[in-house]
Amino acid sequence: SERARLAFPIRDGIPIMLVDEARK
């Protein structure tokens, strides 16, 4: 997410769409 400056991981084929799990 360019606007939020966050990178959400995909683990075992599942997108993890939690802000707390995202990398800044």
mmCIF file of all heavy atoms, coordinates in Angstrom:
data_MODEL
# 
_entry.id   MODEL 
# 
loop_
_atom_site.group_PDB 
_atom_site.id 
_atom_site.type_symbol 
_atom_site.label_atom_id 
_atom_site.label_alt_id 
_atom_site.label_comp_id 
_atom_site.label_asym_id 
_atom_site.label_entity_id 
_atom_site.label_seq_id 
_atom_site.pdbx_PDB_ins_code 
_atom_site.Cartn_x 
_atom_site.Cartn_y 
_atom_site.Cartn_z 
_atom_site.occupancy 
_atom_site.B_iso_or_equiv 
_atom_site.pdbx_formal_charge 
_atom_site.auth_seq_id 
_atom_site.auth_comp_id 
_atom_site.auth_asym_id 
_atom_site.auth_atom_id 
_atom_site.pdbx_PDB_model_num 
ATOM 1   N N   . SER A 1 1  ? 0.873  -1.173  0.000  1.00 0.00 ? 1  SER A N   1 
ATOM 2   C CA  . SER A 1 1  ? 0.000  0.000   0.000  1.00 0.00 ? 1  SER A CA  1 
ATOM 3   C C   . SER A 1 1  ? 0.911  1.224   0.000  1.00 0.00 ? 1  SER A C   1 
ATOM 4   O O   . SER A 1 1  ? 1.528  1.546   1.025  1.00 0.00 ? 1  SER A O   1 
ATOM 5   C CB  . SER A 1 1  ? -0.900 0.017   1.232  1.00 0.00 ? 1  SER A CB  1 
ATOM 6   O OG  . SER A 1 1  ? -1.605 1.246   1.296  1.00 0.00 ? 1  SER A OG  1 
ATOM 7   N N   . GLU A 1 2  ? 1.008  1.874   -1.165 1.00 0.00 ? 2  GLU A N   1 
ATOM 8   C CA  . GLU A 1 2  ? 1.857  3.062   -1.273 1.00 0.00 ? 2  GLU A CA  1 
ATOM 9   C C   . GLU A 1 2  ? 1.335  4.190   -0.391 1.00 0.00 ? 2  GLU A C   1 
ATOM 10  O O   . GLU A 1 2  ? 2.117  4.884   0.257  1.00 0.00 ? 2  GLU A O   1 
ATOM 11  C CB  . GLU A 1 2  ? 1.949  3.520   -2.733 1.00 0.00 ? 2  GLU A CB  1 
ATOM 12  C CG  . GLU A 1 2  ? 2.563  2.499   -3.667 1.00 0.00 ? 2  GLU A CG  1 
ATOM 13  C CD  . GLU A 1 2  ? 4.045  2.244   -3.438 1.00 0.00 ? 2  GLU A CD  1 
ATOM 14  O OE1 . GLU A 1 2  ? 4.711  3.049   -2.758 1.00 0.00 ? 2  GLU A OE1 1 
ATOM 15  O OE2 . GLU A 1 2  ? 4.531  1.222   -3.949 1.00 0.00 ? 2  GLU A OE2 1 
ATOM 16  N N   . ARG A 1 3  ? 0.018  4.391   -0.367 1.00 0.00 ? 3  ARG A N   1 
ATOM 17  C CA  . ARG A 1 3  ? -0.570 5.485   0.431  1.00 0.00 ? 3  ARG A CA  1 
ATOM 18  C C   . ARG A 1 3  ? -0.307 5.317   1.919  1.00 0.00 ? 3  ARG A C   1 
ATOM 19  O O   . ARG A 1 3  ? -0.005 6.284   2.615  1.00 0.00 ? 3  ARG A O   1 
ATOM 20  C CB  . ARG A 1 3  ? -2.076 5.581   0.180  1.00 0.00 ? 3  ARG A CB  1 
ATOM 21  C CG  . ARG A 1 3  ? -2.409 6.366   -1.065 1.00 0.00 ? 3  ARG A CG  1 
ATOM 22  C CD  . ARG A 1 3  ? -3.887 6.503   -1.337 1.00 0.00 ? 3  ARG A CD  1 
ATOM 23  N NE  . ARG A 1 3  ? -4.666 6.964   -0.202 1.00 0.00 ? 3  ARG A NE  1 
ATOM 24  C CZ  . ARG A 1 3  ? -5.961 6.826   -0.111 1.00 0.00 ? 3  ARG A CZ  1 
ATOM 25  N NH1 . ARG A 1 3  ? -6.650 6.237   -1.068 1.00 0.00 ? 3  ARG A NH1 1 
ATOM 26  N NH2 . ARG A 1 3  ? -6.609 7.268   0.935  1.00 0.00 ? 3  ARG A NH2 1 
ATOM 27  N N   . ALA A 1 4  ? -0.441 4.098   2.426  1.00 0.00 ? 4  ALA A N   1 
ATOM 28  C CA  . ALA A 1 4  ? -0.239 3.851   3.856  1.00 0.00 ? 4  ALA A CA  1 
ATOM 29  C C   . ALA A 1 4  ? 1.222  3.578   4.189  1.00 0.00 ? 4  ALA A C   1 
ATOM 30  O O   . ALA A 1 4  ? 1.589  3.537   5.350  1.00 0.00 ? 4  ALA A O   1 
ATOM 31  C CB  . ALA A 1 4  ? -1.087 2.667   4.310  1.00 0.00 ? 4  ALA A CB  1 
ATOM 32  N N   . ARG A 1 5  ? 2.055  3.380   3.141  1.00 0.00 ? 5  ARG A N   1 
ATOM 33  C CA  . ARG A 1 5  ? 3.474  3.047   3.323  1.00 0.00 ? 5  ARG A CA  1 
ATOM 34  C C   . ARG A 1 5  ? 3.627  1.760   4.138  1.00 0.00 ? 5  ARG A C   1 
ATOM 35  O O   . ARG A 1 5  ? 4.444  1.652   5.044  1.00 0.00 ? 5  ARG A O   1 
ATOM 36  C CB  . ARG A 1 5  ? 4.249  4.187   3.982  1.00 0.00 ? 5  ARG A CB  1 
ATOM 37  C CG  . ARG A 1 5  ? 4.158  5.519   3.261  1.00 0.00 ? 5  ARG A CG  1 
ATOM 38  C CD  . ARG A 1 5  ? 4.758  5.534   1.882  1.00 0.00 ? 5  ARG A CD  1 
ATOM 39  N NE  . ARG A 1 5  ? 6.166  5.167   1.899  1.00 0.00 ? 5  ARG A NE  1 
ATOM 40  C CZ  . ARG A 1 5  ? 6.800  4.595   0.879  1.00 0.00 ? 5  ARG A CZ  1 
ATOM 41  N NH1 . ARG A 1 5  ? 6.156  4.326   -0.223 1.00 0.00 ? 5  ARG A NH1 1 
ATOM 42  N NH2 . ARG A 1 5  ? 8.053  4.277   0.973  1.00 0.00 ? 5  ARG A NH2 1 
ATOM 43  N N   . LEU A 1 6  ? 2.791  0.743   3.785  1.00 0.00 ? 6  LEU A N   1 
ATOM 44  C CA  . LEU A 1 6  ? 2.801  -0.548  4.468  1.00 0.00 ? 6  LEU A CA  1 
ATOM 45  C C   . LEU A 1 6  ? 2.927  -1.680  3.456  1.00 0.00 ? 6  LEU A C   1 
ATOM 46  O O   . LEU A 1 6  ? 2.438  -1.574  2.333  1.00 0.00 ? 6  LEU A O   1 
ATOM 47  C CB  . LEU A 1 6  ? 1.513  -0.743  5.274  1.00 0.00 ? 6  LEU A CB  1 
ATOM 48  C CG  . LEU A 1 6  ? 1.280  0.198   6.442  1.00 0.00 ? 6  LEU A CG  1 
ATOM 49  C CD1 . LEU A 1 6  ? -0.119 -0.009  6.997  1.00 0.00 ? 6  LEU A CD1 1 
ATOM 50  C CD2 . LEU A 1 6  ? 2.338  -0.007  7.522  1.00 0.00 ? 6  LEU A CD2 1 
ATOM 51  N N   . ALA A 1 7  ? 3.567  -2.769  3.883  1.00 0.00 ? 7  ALA A N   1 
ATOM 52  C CA  . ALA A 1 7  ? 3.688  -3.983  3.076  1.00 0.00 ? 7  ALA A CA  1 
ATOM 53  C C   . ALA A 1 7  ? 3.056  -5.127  3.859  1.00 0.00 ? 7  ALA A C   1 
ATOM 54  O O   . ALA A 1 7  ? 3.499  -5.449  4.968  1.00 0.00 ? 7  ALA A O   1 
ATOM 55  C CB  . ALA A 1 7  ? 5.154  -4.289  2.787  1.00 0.00 ? 7  ALA A CB  1 
ATOM 56  N N   . PHE A 1 8  ? 2.022  -5.728  3.281  1.00 0.00 ? 8  PHE A N   1 
ATOM 57  C CA  . PHE A 1 8  ? 1.299  -6.819  3.926  1.00 0.00 ? 8  PHE A CA  1 
ATOM 58  C C   . PHE A 1 8  ? 1.855  -8.149  3.426  1.00 0.00 ? 8  PHE A C   1 
ATOM 59  O O   . PHE A 1 8  ? 1.899  -8.385  2.212  1.00 0.00 ? 8  PHE A O   1 
ATOM 60  C CB  . PHE A 1 8  ? -0.202 -6.710  3.635  1.00 0.00 ? 8  PHE A CB  1 
ATOM 61  C CG  . PHE A 1 8  ? -0.807 -5.450  4.179  1.00 0.00 ? 8  PHE A CG  1 
ATOM 62  C CD1 . PHE A 1 8  ? -0.883 -4.308  3.401  1.00 0.00 ? 8  PHE A CD1 1 
ATOM 63  C CD2 . PHE A 1 8  ? -1.266 -5.405  5.482  1.00 0.00 ? 8  PHE A CD2 1 
ATOM 64  C CE1 . PHE A 1 8  ? -1.425 -3.132  3.908  1.00 0.00 ? 8  PHE A CE1 1 
ATOM 65  C CE2 . PHE A 1 8  ? -1.806 -4.233  5.996  1.00 0.00 ? 8  PHE A CE2 1 
ATOM 66  C CZ  . PHE A 1 8  ? -1.882 -3.091  5.214  1.00 0.00 ? 8  PHE A CZ  1 
ATOM 67  N N   . PRO A 1 9  ? 2.274  -9.028  4.339  1.00 0.00 ? 9  PRO A N   1 
ATOM 68  C CA  . PRO A 1 9  ? 2.879  -10.292 3.916  1.00 0.00 ? 9  PRO A CA  1 
ATOM 69  C C   . PRO A 1 9  ? 1.857  -11.293 3.378  1.00 0.00 ? 9  PRO A C   1 
ATOM 70  O O   . PRO A 1 9  ? 0.668  -11.218 3.699  1.00 0.00 ? 9  PRO A O   1 
ATOM 71  C CB  . PRO A 1 9  ? 3.497  -10.822 5.214  1.00 0.00 ? 9  PRO A CB  1 
ATOM 72  C CG  . PRO A 1 9  ? 2.624  -10.269 6.292  1.00 0.00 ? 9  PRO A CG  1 
ATOM 73  C CD  . PRO A 1 9  ? 2.206  -8.906  5.794  1.00 0.00 ? 9  PRO A CD  1 
ATOM 74  N N   . ILE A 1 10 ? 2.347  -12.199 2.553  1.00 0.00 ? 10 ILE A N   1 
ATOM 75  C CA  . ILE A 1 10 ? 1.555  -13.341 2.104  1.00 0.00 ? 10 ILE A CA  1 
ATOM 76  C C   . ILE A 1 10 ? 2.250  -14.567 2.675  1.00 0.00 ? 10 ILE A C   1 
ATOM 77  O O   . ILE A 1 10 ? 3.402  -14.840 2.350  1.00 0.00 ? 10 ILE A O   1 
ATOM 78  C CB  . ILE A 1 10 ? 1.484  -13.421 0.570  1.00 0.00 ? 10 ILE A CB  1 
ATOM 79  C CG1 . ILE A 1 10 ? 0.793  -12.171 0.019  1.00 0.00 ? 10 ILE A CG1 1 
ATOM 80  C CG2 . ILE A 1 10 ? 0.751  -14.688 0.139  1.00 0.00 ? 10 ILE A CG2 1 
ATOM 81  C CD1 . ILE A 1 10 ? 0.797  -12.075 -1.486 1.00 0.00 ? 10 ILE A CD1 1 
ATOM 82  N N   . ARG A 1 11 ? 1.571  -15.271 3.578  1.00 0.00 ? 11 ARG A N   1 
ATOM 83  C CA  . ARG A 1 11 ? 2.150  -16.446 4.245  1.00 0.00 ? 11 ARG A CA  1 
ATOM 84  C C   . ARG A 1 11 ? 1.363  -17.692 3.866  1.00 0.00 ? 11 ARG A C   1 
ATOM 85  O O   . ARG A 1 11 ? 0.150  -17.728 4.045  1.00 0.00 ? 11 ARG A O   1 
ATOM 86  C CB  . ARG A 1 11 ? 2.127  -16.264 5.760  1.00 0.00 ? 11 ARG A CB  1 
ATOM 87  C CG  . ARG A 1 11 ? 2.977  -15.122 6.236  1.00 0.00 ? 11 ARG A CG  1 
ATOM 88  C CD  . ARG A 1 11 ? 3.049  -15.076 7.761  1.00 0.00 ? 11 ARG A CD  1 
ATOM 89  N NE  . ARG A 1 11 ? 3.658  -13.824 8.176  1.00 0.00 ? 11 ARG A NE  1 
ATOM 90  C CZ  . ARG A 1 11 ? 3.154  -12.995 9.071  1.00 0.00 ? 11 ARG A CZ  1 
ATOM 91  N NH1 . ARG A 1 11 ? 2.019  -13.293 9.672  1.00 0.00 ? 11 ARG A NH1 1 
ATOM 92  N NH2 . ARG A 1 11 ? 3.768  -11.882 9.377  1.00 0.00 ? 11 ARG A NH2 1 
ATOM 93  N N   . ASP A 1 12 ? 2.069  -18.680 3.363  1.00 0.00 ? 12 ASP A N   1 
ATOM 94  C CA  . ASP A 1 12 ? 1.432  -19.935 2.948  1.00 0.00 ? 12 ASP A CA  1 
ATOM 95  C C   . ASP A 1 12 ? 0.258  -19.674 2.012  1.00 0.00 ? 12 ASP A C   1 
ATOM 96  O O   . ASP A 1 12 ? -0.783 -20.318 2.099  1.00 0.00 ? 12 ASP A O   1 
ATOM 97  C CB  . ASP A 1 12 ? 0.974  -20.749 4.162  1.00 0.00 ? 12 ASP A CB  1 
ATOM 98  C CG  . ASP A 1 12 ? 2.132  -21.158 5.051  1.00 0.00 ? 12 ASP A CG  1 
ATOM 99  O OD1 . ASP A 1 12 ? 3.202  -21.492 4.516  1.00 0.00 ? 12 ASP A OD1 1 
ATOM 100 O OD2 . ASP A 1 12 ? 1.959  -21.128 6.279  1.00 0.00 ? 12 ASP A OD2 1 
ATOM 101 N N   . GLY A 1 13 ? 0.430  -18.674 1.134  1.00 0.00 ? 13 GLY A N   1 
ATOM 102 C CA  . GLY A 1 13 ? -0.607 -18.370 0.162  1.00 0.00 ? 13 GLY A CA  1 
ATOM 103 C C   . GLY A 1 13 ? -1.755 -17.540 0.688  1.00 0.00 ? 13 GLY A C   1 
ATOM 104 O O   . GLY A 1 13 ? -2.725 -17.301 -0.013 1.00 0.00 ? 13 GLY A O   1 
ATOM 105 N N   . ILE A 1 14 ? -1.656 -17.064 1.930  1.00 0.00 ? 14 ILE A N   1 
ATOM 106 C CA  . ILE A 1 14 ? -2.741 -16.292 2.540  1.00 0.00 ? 14 ILE A CA  1 
ATOM 107 C C   . ILE A 1 14 ? -2.268 -14.864 2.800  1.00 0.00 ? 14 ILE A C   1 
ATOM 108 O O   . ILE A 1 14 ? -1.318 -14.656 3.565  1.00 0.00 ? 14 ILE A O   1 
ATOM 109 C CB  . ILE A 1 14 ? -3.201 -16.935 3.871  1.00 0.00 ? 14 ILE A CB  1 
ATOM 110 C CG1 . ILE A 1 14 ? -3.681 -18.350 3.612  1.00 0.00 ? 14 ILE A CG1 1 
ATOM 111 C CG2 . ILE A 1 14 ? -4.283 -16.081 4.537  1.00 0.00 ? 14 ILE A CG2 1 
ATOM 112 C CD1 . ILE A 1 14 ? -3.898 -19.158 4.853  1.00 0.00 ? 14 ILE A CD1 1 
ATOM 113 N N   . PRO A 1 15 ? -2.900 -13.871 2.169  1.00 0.00 ? 15 PRO A N   1 
ATOM 114 C CA  . PRO A 1 15 ? -2.544 -12.478 2.453  1.00 0.00 ? 15 PRO A CA  1 
ATOM 115 C C   . PRO A 1 15 ? -2.946 -12.124 3.892  1.00 0.00 ? 15 PRO A C   1 
ATOM 116 O O   . PRO A 1 15 ? -4.080 -12.352 4.306  1.00 0.00 ? 15 PRO A O   1 
ATOM 117 C CB  . PRO A 1 15 ? -3.378 -11.674 1.454  1.00 0.00 ? 15 PRO A CB  1 
ATOM 118 C CG  . PRO A 1 15 ? -3.812 -12.659 0.424  1.00 0.00 ? 15 PRO A CG  1 
ATOM 119 C CD  . PRO A 1 15 ? -3.892 -13.977 1.112  1.00 0.00 ? 15 PRO A CD  1 
ATOM 120 N N   . ILE A 1 16 ? -2.001 -11.591 4.641  1.00 0.00 ? 16 ILE A N   1 
ATOM 121 C CA  . ILE A 1 16 ? -2.245 -11.193 6.024  1.00 0.00 ? 16 ILE A CA  1 
ATOM 122 C C   . ILE A 1 16 ? -2.531 -9.691  6.018  1.00 0.00 ? 16 ILE A C   1 
ATOM 123 O O   . ILE A 1 16 ? -1.633 -8.868  5.942  1.00 0.00 ? 16 ILE A O   1 
ATOM 124 C CB  . ILE A 1 16 ? -1.036 -11.516 6.925  1.00 0.00 ? 16 ILE A CB  1 
ATOM 125 C CG1 . ILE A 1 16 ? -0.579 -12.957 6.745  1.00 0.00 ? 16 ILE A CG1 1 
ATOM 126 C CG2 . ILE A 1 16 ? -1.348 -11.176 8.378  1.00 0.00 ? 16 ILE A CG2 1 
ATOM 127 C CD1 . ILE A 1 16 ? -1.625 -13.998 7.077  1.00 0.00 ? 16 ILE A CD1 1 
ATOM 128 N N   . MET A 1 17 ? -3.810 -9.346  6.082  1.00 0.00 ? 17 MET A N   1 
ATOM 129 C CA  . MET A 1 17 ? -4.237 -7.962  5.901  1.00 0.00 ? 17 MET A CA  1 
ATOM 130 C C   . MET A 1 17 ? -4.478 -7.243  7.236  1.00 0.00 ? 17 MET A C   1 
ATOM 131 O O   . MET A 1 17 ? -5.428 -6.487  7.385  1.00 0.00 ? 17 MET A O   1 
ATOM 132 C CB  . MET A 1 17 ? -5.499 -7.919  5.030  1.00 0.00 ? 17 MET A CB  1 
ATOM 133 C CG  . MET A 1 17 ? -5.325 -8.558  3.667  1.00 0.00 ? 17 MET A CG  1 
ATOM 134 S SD  . MET A 1 17 ? -3.921 -7.911  2.739  1.00 0.00 ? 17 MET A SD  1 
ATOM 135 C CE  . MET A 1 17 ? -4.395 -6.217  2.553  1.00 0.00 ? 17 MET A CE  1 
ATOM 136 N N   . LEU A 1 18 ? -3.594 -7.454  8.177  1.00 0.00 ? 18 LEU A N   1 
ATOM 137 C CA  . LEU A 1 18 ? -3.672 -6.803  9.479  1.00 0.00 ? 18 LEU A CA  1 
ATOM 138 C C   . LEU A 1 18 ? -2.588 -5.729  9.565  1.00 0.00 ? 18 LEU A C   1 
ATOM 139 O O   . LEU A 1 18 ? -1.411 -6.011  9.310  1.00 0.00 ? 18 LEU A O   1 
ATOM 140 C CB  . LEU A 1 18 ? -3.471 -7.815  10.605 1.00 0.00 ? 18 LEU A CB  1 
ATOM 141 C CG  . LEU A 1 18 ? -4.464 -8.972  10.642 1.00 0.00 ? 18 LEU A CG  1 
ATOM 142 C CD1 . LEU A 1 18 ? -4.013 -10.023 11.641 1.00 0.00 ? 18 LEU A CD1 1 
ATOM 143 C CD2 . LEU A 1 18 ? -5.842 -8.455  10.976 1.00 0.00 ? 18 LEU A CD2 1 
ATOM 144 N N   . VAL A 1 19 ? -2.969 -4.516  9.920  1.00 0.00 ? 19 VAL A N   1 
ATOM 145 C CA  . VAL A 1 19 ? -2.007 -3.424  10.022 1.00 0.00 ? 19 VAL A CA  1 
ATOM 146 C C   . VAL A 1 19 ? -0.901 -3.773  11.001 1.00 0.00 ? 19 VAL A C   1 
ATOM 147 O O   . VAL A 1 19 ? 0.271  -3.469  10.765 1.00 0.00 ? 19 VAL A O   1 
ATOM 148 C CB  . VAL A 1 19 ? -2.719 -2.104  10.397 1.00 0.00 ? 19 VAL A CB  1 
ATOM 149 C CG1 . VAL A 1 19 ? -1.716 -1.000  10.670 1.00 0.00 ? 19 VAL A CG1 1 
ATOM 150 C CG2 . VAL A 1 19 ? -3.688 -1.692  9.304  1.00 0.00 ? 19 VAL A CG2 1 
ATOM 151 N N   . ASP A 1 20 ? -1.234 -4.460  12.094 1.00 0.00 ? 20 ASP A N   1 
ATOM 152 C CA  . ASP A 1 20 ? -0.233 -4.844  13.093 1.00 0.00 ? 20 ASP A CA  1 
ATOM 153 C C   . ASP A 1 20 ? 0.793  -5.835  12.545 1.00 0.00 ? 20 ASP A C   1 
ATOM 154 O O   . ASP A 1 20 ? 1.895  -5.932  13.080 1.00 0.00 ? 20 ASP A O   1 
ATOM 155 C CB  . ASP A 1 20 ? -0.903 -5.463  14.320 1.00 0.00 ? 20 ASP A CB  1 
ATOM 156 C CG  . ASP A 1 20 ? -1.687 -4.443  15.122 1.00 0.00 ? 20 ASP A CG  1 
ATOM 157 O OD1 . ASP A 1 20 ? -1.508 -3.226  14.901 1.00 0.00 ? 20 ASP A OD1 1 
ATOM 158 O OD2 . ASP A 1 20 ? -2.485 -4.859  15.973 1.00 0.00 ? 20 ASP A OD2 1 
ATOM 159 N N   . GLU A 1 21 ? 0.446  -6.575  11.511 1.00 0.00 ? 21 GLU A N   1 
ATOM 160 C CA  . GLU A 1 21 ? 1.352  -7.552  10.904 1.00 0.00 ? 21 GLU A CA  1 
ATOM 161 C C   . GLU A 1 21 ? 2.131  -6.975  9.717  1.00 0.00 ? 21 GLU A C   1 
ATOM 162 O O   . GLU A 1 21 ? 3.050  -7.607  9.215  1.00 0.00 ? 21 GLU A O   1 
ATOM 163 C CB  . GLU A 1 21 ? 0.562  -8.770  10.420 1.00 0.00 ? 21 GLU A CB  1 
ATOM 164 C CG  . GLU A 1 21 ? -0.050 -9.581  11.526 1.00 0.00 ? 21 GLU A CG  1 
ATOM 165 C CD  . GLU A 1 21 ? 0.977  -10.392 12.300 1.00 0.00 ? 21 GLU A CD  1 
ATOM 166 O OE1 . GLU A 1 21 ? 1.924  -10.905 11.685 1.00 0.00 ? 21 GLU A OE1 1 
ATOM 167 O OE2 . GLU A 1 21 ? 0.830  -10.491 13.532 1.00 0.00 ? 21 GLU A OE2 1 
ATOM 168 N N   . ALA A 1 22 ? 1.753  -5.784  9.261  1.00 0.00 ? 22 ALA A N   1 
ATOM 169 C CA  . ALA A 1 22 ? 2.383  -5.173  8.092  1.00 0.00 ? 22 ALA A CA  1 
ATOM 170 C C   . ALA A 1 22 ? 3.751  -4.599  8.444  1.00 0.00 ? 22 ALA A C   1 
ATOM 171 O O   . ALA A 1 22 ? 4.014  -4.192  9.573  1.00 0.00 ? 22 ALA A O   1 
ATOM 172 C CB  . ALA A 1 22 ? 1.489  -4.076  7.538  1.00 0.00 ? 22 ALA A CB  1 
ATOM 173 N N   . ARG A 1 23 ? 4.597  -4.603  7.413  1.00 0.00 ? 23 ARG A N   1 
ATOM 174 C CA  . ARG A 1 23 ? 5.929  -4.013  7.534  1.00 0.00 ? 23 ARG A CA  1 
ATOM 175 C C   . ARG A 1 23 ? 5.835  -2.565  7.058  1.00 0.00 ? 23 ARG A C   1 
ATOM 176 O O   . ARG A 1 23 ? 5.228  -2.273  6.033  1.00 0.00 ? 23 ARG A O   1 
ATOM 177 C CB  . ARG A 1 23 ? 6.912  -4.804  6.654  1.00 0.00 ? 23 ARG A CB  1 
ATOM 178 C CG  . ARG A 1 23 ? 8.310  -4.264  6.603  1.00 0.00 ? 23 ARG A CG  1 
ATOM 179 C CD  . ARG A 1 23 ? 9.206  -5.180  5.790  1.00 0.00 ? 23 ARG A CD  1 
ATOM 180 N NE  . ARG A 1 23 ? 8.829  -5.237  4.383  1.00 0.00 ? 23 ARG A NE  1 
ATOM 181 C CZ  . ARG A 1 23 ? 9.187  -4.340  3.469  1.00 0.00 ? 23 ARG A CZ  1 
ATOM 182 N NH1 . ARG A 1 23 ? 9.922  -3.299  3.807  1.00 0.00 ? 23 ARG A NH1 1 
ATOM 183 N NH2 . ARG A 1 23 ? 8.820  -4.492  2.201  1.00 0.00 ? 23 ARG A NH2 1 
ATOM 184 N N   . LYS A 1 24 ? 6.418  -1.639  7.834  1.00 0.00 ? 24 LYS A N   1 
ATOM 185 C CA  . LYS A 1 24 ? 6.427  -0.237  7.432  1.00 0.00 ? 24 LYS A CA  1 
ATOM 186 C C   . LYS A 1 24 ? 7.490  -0.049  6.356  1.00 0.00 ? 24 LYS A C   1 
ATOM 187 O O   . LYS A 1 24 ? 8.608  -0.529  6.489  1.00 0.00 ? 24 LYS A O   1 
ATOM 188 C CB  . LYS A 1 24 ? 6.716  0.672   8.623  1.00 0.00 ? 24 LYS A CB  1 
ATOM 189 C CG  . LYS A 1 24 ? 5.577  0.673   9.613  1.00 0.00 ? 24 LYS A CG  1 
ATOM 190 C CD  . LYS A 1 24 ? 5.836  1.599   10.753 1.00 0.00 ? 24 LYS A CD  1 
ATOM 191 C CE  . LYS A 1 24 ? 4.662  1.517   11.726 1.00 0.00 ? 24 LYS A CE  1 
ATOM 192 N NZ  . LYS A 1 24 ? 4.859  2.309   12.901 1.00 0.00 ? 24 LYS A NZ  1 
# 
